[in-house]
Amino acid sequence: MSSKICIDDAAAFEKRIPRLAEILIDAVAGGAGVSFMHPLAQKDAEDFWIGQLNGIKAGSTFPVIAEHEGQTVGIVLLIKAWAPNQPHRADIAKMLVHSKYRRHGFATQLIKALEDRARSLGLSLLTFDAVAGSGAAKFYERLGFINVGEIPGYAYSGTGKLDGTCFFYKLI
């Protein structure tokens, strides 16, 4: 079985948008707290990914992609901070692996590749949030990210439950 991790340019990313929409829909249907509510329409999911193209073209957003046997199975975005006083920092966003491919190491590979890309860009701090007490939060802690606290009732999950969120950082 052939798997690889790659960082797409805008043209390669654009070709993946229908599949990335499927992955986002799968995550939301599974209850992931990733900014969207279930049911998520294909067009709305595609529009979200289309909205990332400007950042990719500008060199401020870097999509890290997991492929397995030629099919896109996961993604995570590295988004450089926009503020002039934060050139050393980036956010991690939309860490998604399709449910059929979870527990095969793709998420860990995606984060490691994201960290490598961040270092190559001269970045030293990664930040993001995750649903408090979730499997995702535990996953990030295992990878050395530091949980700095929780805000209760922060956002609704994809299925409508109000969840707390915790904020993470990692110095790289």
N, C-alpha and C. Protein backbone atom coordinates (compact mmCIF):
# COMPACT_ATOMS: atom_id res chain seq x y z
N MET A 1 0.84 -1.18 0.00
CA MET A 1 0.00 0.00 0.00
C MET A 1 0.88 1.24 0.00
N SER A 2 0.54 2.18 -0.86
CA SER A 2 1.34 3.37 -1.02
C SER A 2 0.66 4.57 -0.39
N SER A 3 1.37 5.23 0.52
CA SER A 3 0.88 6.43 1.18
C SER A 3 1.94 7.51 1.08
N LYS A 4 1.48 8.76 1.05
CA LYS A 4 2.44 9.87 1.05
C LYS A 4 1.80 11.11 1.64
N ILE A 5 2.65 11.99 2.10
CA ILE A 5 2.25 13.29 2.62
C ILE A 5 2.87 14.34 1.70
N CYS A 6 2.07 15.32 1.27
CA CYS A 6 2.60 16.35 0.39
C CYS A 6 2.01 17.71 0.77
N ILE A 7 2.65 18.75 0.30
CA ILE A 7 2.17 20.11 0.51
C ILE A 7 1.81 20.66 -0.87
N ASP A 8 0.52 20.94 -1.04
CA ASP A 8 0.00 21.35 -2.34
C ASP A 8 0.24 22.82 -2.63
N ASP A 9 0.45 23.12 -3.92
CA ASP A 9 0.34 24.49 -4.38
C ASP A 9 -1.14 24.72 -4.73
N ALA A 10 -1.49 25.92 -5.16
CA ALA A 10 -2.90 26.25 -5.40
C ALA A 10 -3.52 25.37 -6.49
N ALA A 11 -2.77 25.10 -7.56
CA ALA A 11 -3.33 24.31 -8.66
C ALA A 11 -3.64 22.88 -8.22
N ALA A 12 -2.71 22.26 -7.51
CA ALA A 12 -2.94 20.89 -7.02
C ALA A 12 -4.07 20.87 -6.01
N PHE A 13 -4.12 21.86 -5.12
CA PHE A 13 -5.16 21.94 -4.11
C PHE A 13 -6.54 22.06 -4.76
N GLU A 14 -6.63 22.92 -5.75
CA GLU A 14 -7.92 23.16 -6.41
C GLU A 14 -8.50 21.88 -6.99
N LYS A 15 -7.65 21.02 -7.53
CA LYS A 15 -8.12 19.75 -8.09
C LYS A 15 -8.69 18.82 -7.02
N ARG A 16 -8.25 19.00 -5.78
CA ARG A 16 -8.70 18.14 -4.69
C ARG A 16 -10.00 18.61 -4.03
N ILE A 17 -10.48 19.78 -4.37
CA ILE A 17 -11.59 20.38 -3.62
C ILE A 17 -12.80 19.47 -3.48
N PRO A 18 -13.29 18.80 -4.53
CA PRO A 18 -14.45 17.92 -4.30
C PRO A 18 -14.18 16.83 -3.26
N ARG A 19 -13.01 16.24 -3.27
CA ARG A 19 -12.67 15.21 -2.29
C ARG A 19 -12.49 15.82 -0.90
N LEU A 20 -11.86 16.98 -0.82
CA LEU A 20 -11.71 17.64 0.48
C LEU A 20 -13.07 17.98 1.07
N ALA A 21 -14.02 18.35 0.21
CA ALA A 21 -15.39 18.61 0.68
C ALA A 21 -15.99 17.33 1.28
N GLU A 22 -15.78 16.20 0.63
CA GLU A 22 -16.28 14.92 1.17
C GLU A 22 -15.67 14.63 2.54
N ILE A 23 -14.38 14.91 2.69
CA ILE A 23 -13.70 14.66 3.97
C ILE A 23 -14.27 15.58 5.05
N LEU A 24 -14.50 16.84 4.71
CA LEU A 24 -15.08 17.78 5.67
C LEU A 24 -16.50 17.35 6.05
N ILE A 25 -17.30 16.97 5.09
CA ILE A 25 -18.66 16.49 5.37
C ILE A 25 -18.63 15.27 6.28
N ASP A 26 -17.72 14.35 6.02
CA ASP A 26 -17.57 13.15 6.84
C ASP A 26 -17.23 13.53 8.29
N ALA A 27 -16.34 14.50 8.46
CA ALA A 27 -15.95 14.92 9.81
C ALA A 27 -17.13 15.55 10.55
N VAL A 28 -17.85 16.42 9.86
CA VAL A 28 -18.99 17.09 10.49
C VAL A 28 -20.08 16.08 10.84
N ALA A 29 -20.34 15.14 9.94
CA ALA A 29 -21.35 14.10 10.22
C ALA A 29 -20.96 13.26 11.42
N GLY A 30 -19.66 13.13 11.65
CA GLY A 30 -19.17 12.36 12.80
C GLY A 30 -19.12 13.16 14.09
N GLY A 31 -19.56 14.43 14.05
CA GLY A 31 -19.62 15.23 15.26
C GLY A 31 -18.40 16.09 15.54
N ALA A 32 -17.47 16.16 14.60
CA ALA A 32 -16.26 16.96 14.82
C ALA A 32 -16.61 18.43 14.98
N GLY A 33 -15.94 19.10 15.90
CA GLY A 33 -16.12 20.53 16.10
C GLY A 33 -15.19 21.29 15.19
N VAL A 34 -15.56 21.42 13.93
CA VAL A 34 -14.69 22.07 12.94
C VAL A 34 -15.40 23.23 12.23
N SER A 35 -16.22 23.96 12.97
CA SER A 35 -16.86 25.20 12.52
C SER A 35 -18.14 25.02 11.73
N PHE A 36 -18.52 23.83 11.37
CA PHE A 36 -19.70 23.60 10.55
C PHE A 36 -20.72 22.74 11.29
N MET A 37 -21.96 22.81 10.82
CA MET A 37 -23.05 22.04 11.41
C MET A 37 -23.53 20.96 10.44
N HIS A 38 -24.00 19.86 11.00
CA HIS A 38 -24.57 18.76 10.22
C HIS A 38 -26.05 19.03 9.98
N PRO A 39 -26.57 18.80 8.78
CA PRO A 39 -25.87 18.30 7.60
C PRO A 39 -25.15 19.44 6.86
N LEU A 40 -24.01 19.12 6.32
CA LEU A 40 -23.21 20.08 5.56
C LEU A 40 -23.32 19.71 4.08
N ALA A 41 -23.79 20.64 3.28
CA ALA A 41 -23.96 20.42 1.84
C ALA A 41 -22.61 20.41 1.13
N GLN A 42 -22.52 19.61 0.08
CA GLN A 42 -21.30 19.52 -0.72
C GLN A 42 -20.86 20.91 -1.21
N LYS A 43 -21.79 21.70 -1.70
CA LYS A 43 -21.44 23.03 -2.22
C LYS A 43 -20.87 23.91 -1.11
N ASP A 44 -21.47 23.88 0.06
CA ASP A 44 -20.95 24.69 1.17
C ASP A 44 -19.55 24.24 1.58
N ALA A 45 -19.33 22.94 1.59
CA ALA A 45 -18.01 22.42 1.92
C ALA A 45 -17.00 22.81 0.85
N GLU A 46 -17.39 22.69 -0.41
CA GLU A 46 -16.49 23.10 -1.50
C GLU A 46 -16.19 24.59 -1.42
N ASP A 47 -17.21 25.40 -1.11
CA ASP A 47 -17.00 26.85 -1.00
C ASP A 47 -15.97 27.17 0.09
N PHE A 48 -16.01 26.44 1.20
CA PHE A 48 -15.01 26.67 2.25
C PHE A 48 -13.61 26.45 1.69
N TRP A 49 -13.40 25.31 1.02
CA TRP A 49 -12.06 25.02 0.49
C TRP A 49 -11.66 26.00 -0.60
N ILE A 50 -12.61 26.41 -1.45
CA ILE A 50 -12.32 27.42 -2.48
C ILE A 50 -11.83 28.70 -1.81
N GLY A 51 -12.42 29.01 -0.66
CA GLY A 51 -12.03 30.20 0.09
C GLY A 51 -10.60 30.17 0.60
N GLN A 52 -9.99 29.01 0.64
CA GLN A 52 -8.59 28.90 1.08
C GLN A 52 -7.59 29.21 -0.02
N LEU A 53 -8.06 29.24 -1.26
CA LEU A 53 -7.15 29.40 -2.40
C LEU A 53 -6.36 30.72 -2.36
N ASN A 54 -6.99 31.81 -1.98
CA ASN A 54 -6.26 33.09 -1.94
C ASN A 54 -5.07 33.02 -0.99
N GLY A 55 -5.27 32.43 0.19
CA GLY A 55 -4.17 32.30 1.14
C GLY A 55 -3.06 31.39 0.62
N ILE A 56 -3.45 30.34 -0.08
CA ILE A 56 -2.45 29.42 -0.65
C ILE A 56 -1.64 30.16 -1.71
N LYS A 57 -2.33 30.89 -2.58
CA LYS A 57 -1.63 31.65 -3.62
C LYS A 57 -0.73 32.73 -3.04
N ALA A 58 -1.15 33.33 -1.92
CA ALA A 58 -0.38 34.40 -1.29
C ALA A 58 0.78 33.88 -0.45
N GLY A 59 0.84 32.58 -0.23
CA GLY A 59 1.92 32.03 0.58
C GLY A 59 1.70 32.19 2.08
N SER A 60 0.45 32.34 2.48
CA SER A 60 0.14 32.44 3.91
C SER A 60 -0.56 31.20 4.45
N THR A 61 -1.08 30.35 3.56
CA THR A 61 -1.75 29.11 3.92
C THR A 61 -1.08 27.97 3.18
N PHE A 62 -0.79 26.90 3.93
CA PHE A 62 -0.10 25.74 3.35
C PHE A 62 -0.91 24.49 3.65
N PRO A 63 -1.53 23.89 2.64
CA PRO A 63 -2.29 22.66 2.85
C PRO A 63 -1.36 21.44 2.84
N VAL A 64 -1.38 20.70 3.93
CA VAL A 64 -0.60 19.47 4.03
C VAL A 64 -1.61 18.33 3.81
N ILE A 65 -1.32 17.49 2.84
CA ILE A 65 -2.27 16.49 2.36
C ILE A 65 -1.74 15.08 2.61
N ALA A 66 -2.64 14.20 3.04
CA ALA A 66 -2.32 12.77 3.15
C ALA A 66 -3.01 12.04 2.00
N GLU A 67 -2.24 11.22 1.31
CA GLU A 67 -2.78 10.38 0.23
C GLU A 67 -2.53 8.93 0.57
N HIS A 68 -3.47 8.09 0.15
CA HIS A 68 -3.30 6.65 0.28
C HIS A 68 -3.78 6.03 -1.02
N GLU A 69 -2.88 5.31 -1.67
CA GLU A 69 -3.16 4.66 -2.95
C GLU A 69 -3.79 5.65 -3.94
N GLY A 70 -3.22 6.87 -3.99
CA GLY A 70 -3.64 7.87 -4.95
C GLY A 70 -4.87 8.67 -4.57
N GLN A 71 -5.48 8.37 -3.43
CA GLN A 71 -6.68 9.09 -3.00
C GLN A 71 -6.37 9.99 -1.82
N THR A 72 -6.91 11.21 -1.84
CA THR A 72 -6.77 12.12 -0.72
C THR A 72 -7.56 11.56 0.45
N VAL A 73 -6.89 11.40 1.61
CA VAL A 73 -7.56 10.84 2.79
C VAL A 73 -7.52 11.78 3.99
N GLY A 74 -6.72 12.84 3.92
CA GLY A 74 -6.63 13.75 5.05
C GLY A 74 -5.98 15.07 4.66
N ILE A 75 -6.18 16.04 5.53
CA ILE A 75 -5.63 17.38 5.32
C ILE A 75 -5.45 18.08 6.66
N VAL A 76 -4.50 18.97 6.71
CA VAL A 76 -4.38 19.95 7.78
C VAL A 76 -3.82 21.22 7.15
N LEU A 77 -4.28 22.37 7.65
CA LEU A 77 -3.81 23.65 7.13
C LEU A 77 -2.86 24.31 8.11
N LEU A 78 -1.77 24.83 7.59
CA LEU A 78 -0.85 25.70 8.33
C LEU A 78 -1.13 27.11 7.84
N ILE A 79 -1.58 27.98 8.74
CA ILE A 79 -1.96 29.34 8.36
C ILE A 79 -1.11 30.32 9.14
N LYS A 80 -0.22 31.00 8.41
CA LYS A 80 0.66 31.98 9.05
C LYS A 80 -0.17 33.12 9.64
N ALA A 81 0.25 33.60 10.81
CA ALA A 81 -0.43 34.73 11.44
C ALA A 81 -0.33 35.94 10.53
N TRP A 82 -1.39 36.72 10.45
CA TRP A 82 -1.41 37.89 9.57
C TRP A 82 -0.75 39.11 10.23
N ALA A 83 -0.75 39.15 11.55
CA ALA A 83 -0.31 40.36 12.25
C ALA A 83 1.19 40.61 12.09
N PRO A 84 1.57 41.85 11.82
CA PRO A 84 2.98 42.17 11.64
C PRO A 84 3.85 41.86 12.86
N ASN A 85 3.27 41.85 14.05
CA ASN A 85 4.06 41.57 15.24
C ASN A 85 4.11 40.08 15.58
N GLN A 86 3.64 39.22 14.65
CA GLN A 86 3.64 37.78 14.90
C GLN A 86 4.20 36.98 13.71
N PRO A 87 5.32 37.39 13.14
CA PRO A 87 5.84 36.68 11.97
C PRO A 87 6.38 35.29 12.31
N HIS A 88 6.48 34.99 13.58
CA HIS A 88 7.03 33.71 14.05
C HIS A 88 5.95 32.66 14.31
N ARG A 89 4.66 33.00 14.11
CA ARG A 89 3.56 32.17 14.57
C ARG A 89 2.64 31.76 13.43
N ALA A 90 2.01 30.56 13.60
CA ALA A 90 0.99 30.10 12.67
C ALA A 90 -0.06 29.32 13.43
N ASP A 91 -1.24 29.26 12.83
CA ASP A 91 -2.34 28.45 13.37
C ASP A 91 -2.42 27.14 12.61
N ILE A 92 -2.87 26.14 13.31
CA ILE A 92 -3.21 24.85 12.71
C ILE A 92 -4.73 24.84 12.56
N ALA A 93 -5.22 24.45 11.39
CA ALA A 93 -6.66 24.44 11.15
C ALA A 93 -7.08 23.23 10.32
N LYS A 94 -8.29 22.82 10.54
CA LYS A 94 -8.96 21.77 9.77
C LYS A 94 -8.11 20.50 9.64
N MET A 95 -7.70 19.99 10.79
CA MET A 95 -7.00 18.69 10.84
C MET A 95 -8.07 17.61 10.65
N LEU A 96 -8.11 17.03 9.46
CA LEU A 96 -9.17 16.09 9.10
C LEU A 96 -8.59 14.85 8.44
N VAL A 97 -9.04 13.70 8.89
CA VAL A 97 -8.76 12.44 8.21
C VAL A 97 -10.10 11.74 8.02
N HIS A 98 -10.36 11.29 6.80
CA HIS A 98 -11.63 10.61 6.53
C HIS A 98 -11.79 9.43 7.48
N SER A 99 -13.00 9.20 7.95
CA SER A 99 -13.25 8.16 8.95
C SER A 99 -12.79 6.77 8.52
N LYS A 100 -12.78 6.49 7.24
CA LYS A 100 -12.31 5.18 6.76
C LYS A 100 -10.81 4.98 6.94
N TYR A 101 -10.08 6.08 7.16
CA TYR A 101 -8.62 6.01 7.21
C TYR A 101 -8.04 6.41 8.57
N ARG A 102 -8.90 6.55 9.56
CA ARG A 102 -8.41 6.91 10.89
C ARG A 102 -7.75 5.70 11.55
N ARG A 103 -6.88 6.01 12.50
CA ARG A 103 -6.15 5.00 13.27
C ARG A 103 -5.14 4.23 12.41
N HIS A 104 -4.65 4.91 11.36
CA HIS A 104 -3.60 4.34 10.51
C HIS A 104 -2.36 5.23 10.51
N GLY A 105 -2.32 6.22 11.38
CA GLY A 105 -1.15 7.07 11.50
C GLY A 105 -1.14 8.31 10.62
N PHE A 106 -2.19 8.51 9.84
CA PHE A 106 -2.19 9.66 8.93
C PHE A 106 -2.19 10.99 9.68
N ALA A 107 -2.95 11.09 10.76
CA ALA A 107 -3.01 12.35 11.51
C ALA A 107 -1.63 12.71 12.06
N THR A 108 -0.94 11.74 12.63
CA THR A 108 0.40 11.99 13.15
C THR A 108 1.34 12.41 12.03
N GLN A 109 1.27 11.74 10.90
CA GLN A 109 2.12 12.11 9.76
C GLN A 109 1.82 13.53 9.28
N LEU A 110 0.53 13.88 9.24
CA LEU A 110 0.16 15.23 8.82
C LEU A 110 0.73 16.28 9.75
N ILE A 111 0.61 16.07 11.06
CA ILE A 111 1.12 17.06 12.03
C ILE A 111 2.63 17.15 11.96
N LYS A 112 3.31 16.01 11.85
CA LYS A 112 4.78 16.05 11.75
C LYS A 112 5.22 16.80 10.49
N ALA A 113 4.56 16.57 9.37
CA ALA A 113 4.89 17.28 8.13
C ALA A 113 4.58 18.77 8.25
N LEU A 114 3.48 19.10 8.93
CA LEU A 114 3.13 20.50 9.16
C LEU A 114 4.21 21.17 10.00
N GLU A 115 4.67 20.50 11.06
CA GLU A 115 5.73 21.07 11.90
C GLU A 115 7.01 21.28 11.08
N ASP A 116 7.35 20.31 10.24
CA ASP A 116 8.54 20.46 9.39
C ASP A 116 8.40 21.66 8.46
N ARG A 117 7.22 21.81 7.87
CA ARG A 117 6.99 22.94 6.97
C ARG A 117 7.08 24.26 7.74
N ALA A 118 6.50 24.28 8.93
CA ALA A 118 6.56 25.49 9.75
C ALA A 118 8.00 25.87 10.06
N ARG A 119 8.81 24.89 10.43
CA ARG A 119 10.23 25.17 10.71
C ARG A 119 10.92 25.72 9.47
N SER A 120 10.63 25.12 8.31
CA SER A 120 11.28 25.57 7.07
C SER A 120 10.90 27.01 6.71
N LEU A 121 9.77 27.46 7.22
CA LEU A 121 9.32 28.84 7.00
C LEU A 121 9.85 29.80 8.07
N GLY A 122 10.62 29.27 9.01
CA GLY A 122 11.16 30.08 10.08
C GLY A 122 10.19 30.35 11.21
N LEU A 123 9.13 29.55 11.29
CA LEU A 123 8.14 29.71 12.35
C LEU A 123 8.57 28.96 13.60
N SER A 124 8.19 29.47 14.76
CA SER A 124 8.60 28.82 16.01
C SER A 124 7.46 28.55 16.97
N LEU A 125 6.25 28.99 16.65
CA LEU A 125 5.10 28.80 17.53
C LEU A 125 3.88 28.41 16.73
N LEU A 126 3.24 27.31 17.14
CA LEU A 126 1.99 26.85 16.53
C LEU A 126 0.88 26.95 17.56
N THR A 127 -0.30 27.42 17.15
CA THR A 127 -1.44 27.55 18.04
C THR A 127 -2.71 27.03 17.36
N PHE A 128 -3.70 26.65 18.17
CA PHE A 128 -4.99 26.20 17.65
C PHE A 128 -5.90 25.89 18.83
N ASP A 129 -7.15 25.58 18.52
CA ASP A 129 -8.08 25.12 19.54
C ASP A 129 -8.69 23.79 19.12
N ALA A 130 -9.19 23.08 20.11
CA ALA A 130 -9.84 21.78 19.88
C ALA A 130 -10.95 21.61 20.91
N VAL A 131 -11.90 20.76 20.59
CA VAL A 131 -12.99 20.49 21.53
C VAL A 131 -12.40 19.92 22.82
N ALA A 132 -12.76 20.55 23.94
CA ALA A 132 -12.25 20.13 25.24
C ALA A 132 -12.66 18.69 25.54
N GLY A 133 -11.71 17.91 26.05
CA GLY A 133 -11.98 16.53 26.44
C GLY A 133 -12.16 15.56 25.29
N SER A 134 -11.94 16.01 24.09
CA SER A 134 -12.15 15.16 22.91
C SER A 134 -10.95 14.27 22.65
N GLY A 135 -11.15 13.28 21.80
CA GLY A 135 -10.05 12.46 21.34
C GLY A 135 -9.00 13.29 20.64
N ALA A 136 -9.44 14.33 19.92
CA ALA A 136 -8.49 15.22 19.23
C ALA A 136 -7.59 15.92 20.24
N ALA A 137 -8.18 16.41 21.33
CA ALA A 137 -7.38 17.10 22.35
C ALA A 137 -6.33 16.15 22.93
N LYS A 138 -6.72 14.93 23.21
CA LYS A 138 -5.77 13.94 23.74
C LYS A 138 -4.68 13.62 22.73
N PHE A 139 -5.05 13.54 21.47
CA PHE A 139 -4.10 13.29 20.39
C PHE A 139 -3.01 14.37 20.37
N TYR A 140 -3.44 15.64 20.42
CA TYR A 140 -2.47 16.74 20.39
C TYR A 140 -1.57 16.73 21.61
N GLU A 141 -2.11 16.42 22.75
CA GLU A 141 -1.28 16.34 23.96
C GLU A 141 -0.22 15.26 23.82
N ARG A 142 -0.58 14.13 23.21
CA ARG A 142 0.41 13.06 22.99
C ARG A 142 1.53 13.51 22.06
N LEU A 143 1.24 14.47 21.19
CA LEU A 143 2.25 14.97 20.26
C LEU A 143 3.04 16.15 20.84
N GLY A 144 2.84 16.44 22.11
CA GLY A 144 3.64 17.46 22.77
C GLY A 144 3.06 18.86 22.77
N PHE A 145 1.82 19.02 22.33
CA PHE A 145 1.18 20.32 22.39
C PHE A 145 0.73 20.59 23.82
N ILE A 146 0.79 21.83 24.24
CA ILE A 146 0.45 22.24 25.60
C ILE A 146 -0.95 22.85 25.61
N ASN A 147 -1.81 22.28 26.46
CA ASN A 147 -3.17 22.79 26.66
C ASN A 147 -3.09 23.92 27.68
N VAL A 148 -3.47 25.14 27.27
CA VAL A 148 -3.35 26.29 28.16
C VAL A 148 -4.66 26.67 28.84
N GLY A 149 -5.72 25.94 28.54
CA GLY A 149 -6.97 26.21 29.23
C GLY A 149 -8.19 26.00 28.38
N GLU A 150 -9.33 26.02 29.06
CA GLU A 150 -10.60 25.71 28.43
C GLU A 150 -11.59 26.85 28.62
N ILE A 151 -12.40 27.07 27.59
CA ILE A 151 -13.54 27.98 27.67
C ILE A 151 -14.79 27.11 27.52
N PRO A 152 -15.64 27.07 28.54
CA PRO A 152 -16.85 26.24 28.42
C PRO A 152 -17.87 26.87 27.46
N GLY A 153 -18.67 26.01 26.85
CA GLY A 153 -19.74 26.48 25.99
C GLY A 153 -19.28 27.36 24.84
N TYR A 154 -18.15 27.05 24.26
CA TYR A 154 -17.51 27.89 23.24
C TYR A 154 -18.19 27.81 21.87
N ALA A 155 -18.51 26.60 21.43
CA ALA A 155 -19.07 26.43 20.09
C ALA A 155 -19.91 25.16 20.02
N TYR A 156 -20.78 25.13 19.05
CA TYR A 156 -21.58 23.93 18.82
C TYR A 156 -20.78 22.93 17.99
N SER A 157 -20.92 21.67 18.32
CA SER A 157 -20.30 20.62 17.52
C SER A 157 -21.08 20.49 16.21
N GLY A 158 -20.58 19.69 15.32
CA GLY A 158 -21.26 19.46 14.05
C GLY A 158 -22.65 18.91 14.20
N THR A 159 -22.94 18.29 15.33
CA THR A 159 -24.26 17.69 15.55
C THR A 159 -25.12 18.51 16.50
N GLY A 160 -24.69 19.70 16.89
CA GLY A 160 -25.52 20.60 17.65
C GLY A 160 -25.32 20.63 19.15
N LYS A 161 -24.37 19.88 19.67
CA LYS A 161 -24.08 19.89 21.11
C LYS A 161 -23.13 21.05 21.41
N LEU A 162 -23.41 21.80 22.47
CA LEU A 162 -22.55 22.91 22.86
C LEU A 162 -21.34 22.37 23.61
N ASP A 163 -20.16 22.63 23.08
CA ASP A 163 -18.91 22.10 23.64
C ASP A 163 -18.01 23.22 24.14
N GLY A 164 -17.17 22.87 25.10
CA GLY A 164 -16.08 23.73 25.49
C GLY A 164 -14.94 23.56 24.50
N THR A 165 -14.04 24.51 24.49
CA THR A 165 -12.85 24.37 23.65
C THR A 165 -11.63 24.63 24.51
N CYS A 166 -10.53 23.98 24.13
CA CYS A 166 -9.28 24.22 24.82
C CYS A 166 -8.28 24.73 23.78
N PHE A 167 -7.38 25.56 24.26
CA PHE A 167 -6.40 26.18 23.39
C PHE A 167 -5.04 25.55 23.61
N PHE A 168 -4.33 25.33 22.51
CA PHE A 168 -3.06 24.64 22.52
C PHE A 168 -1.98 25.50 21.88
N TYR A 169 -0.73 25.20 22.27
CA TYR A 169 0.41 25.77 21.58
C TYR A 169 1.55 24.75 21.62
N LYS A 170 2.49 24.96 20.73
CA LYS A 170 3.72 24.18 20.73
C LYS A 170 4.84 25.06 20.19
N LEU A 171 5.94 25.10 20.94
CA LEU A 171 7.15 25.75 20.44
C LEU A 171 7.90 24.73 19.60
N ILE A 172 8.27 25.12 18.40
CA ILE A 172 8.97 24.17 17.52
C ILE A 172 10.35 24.70 17.16
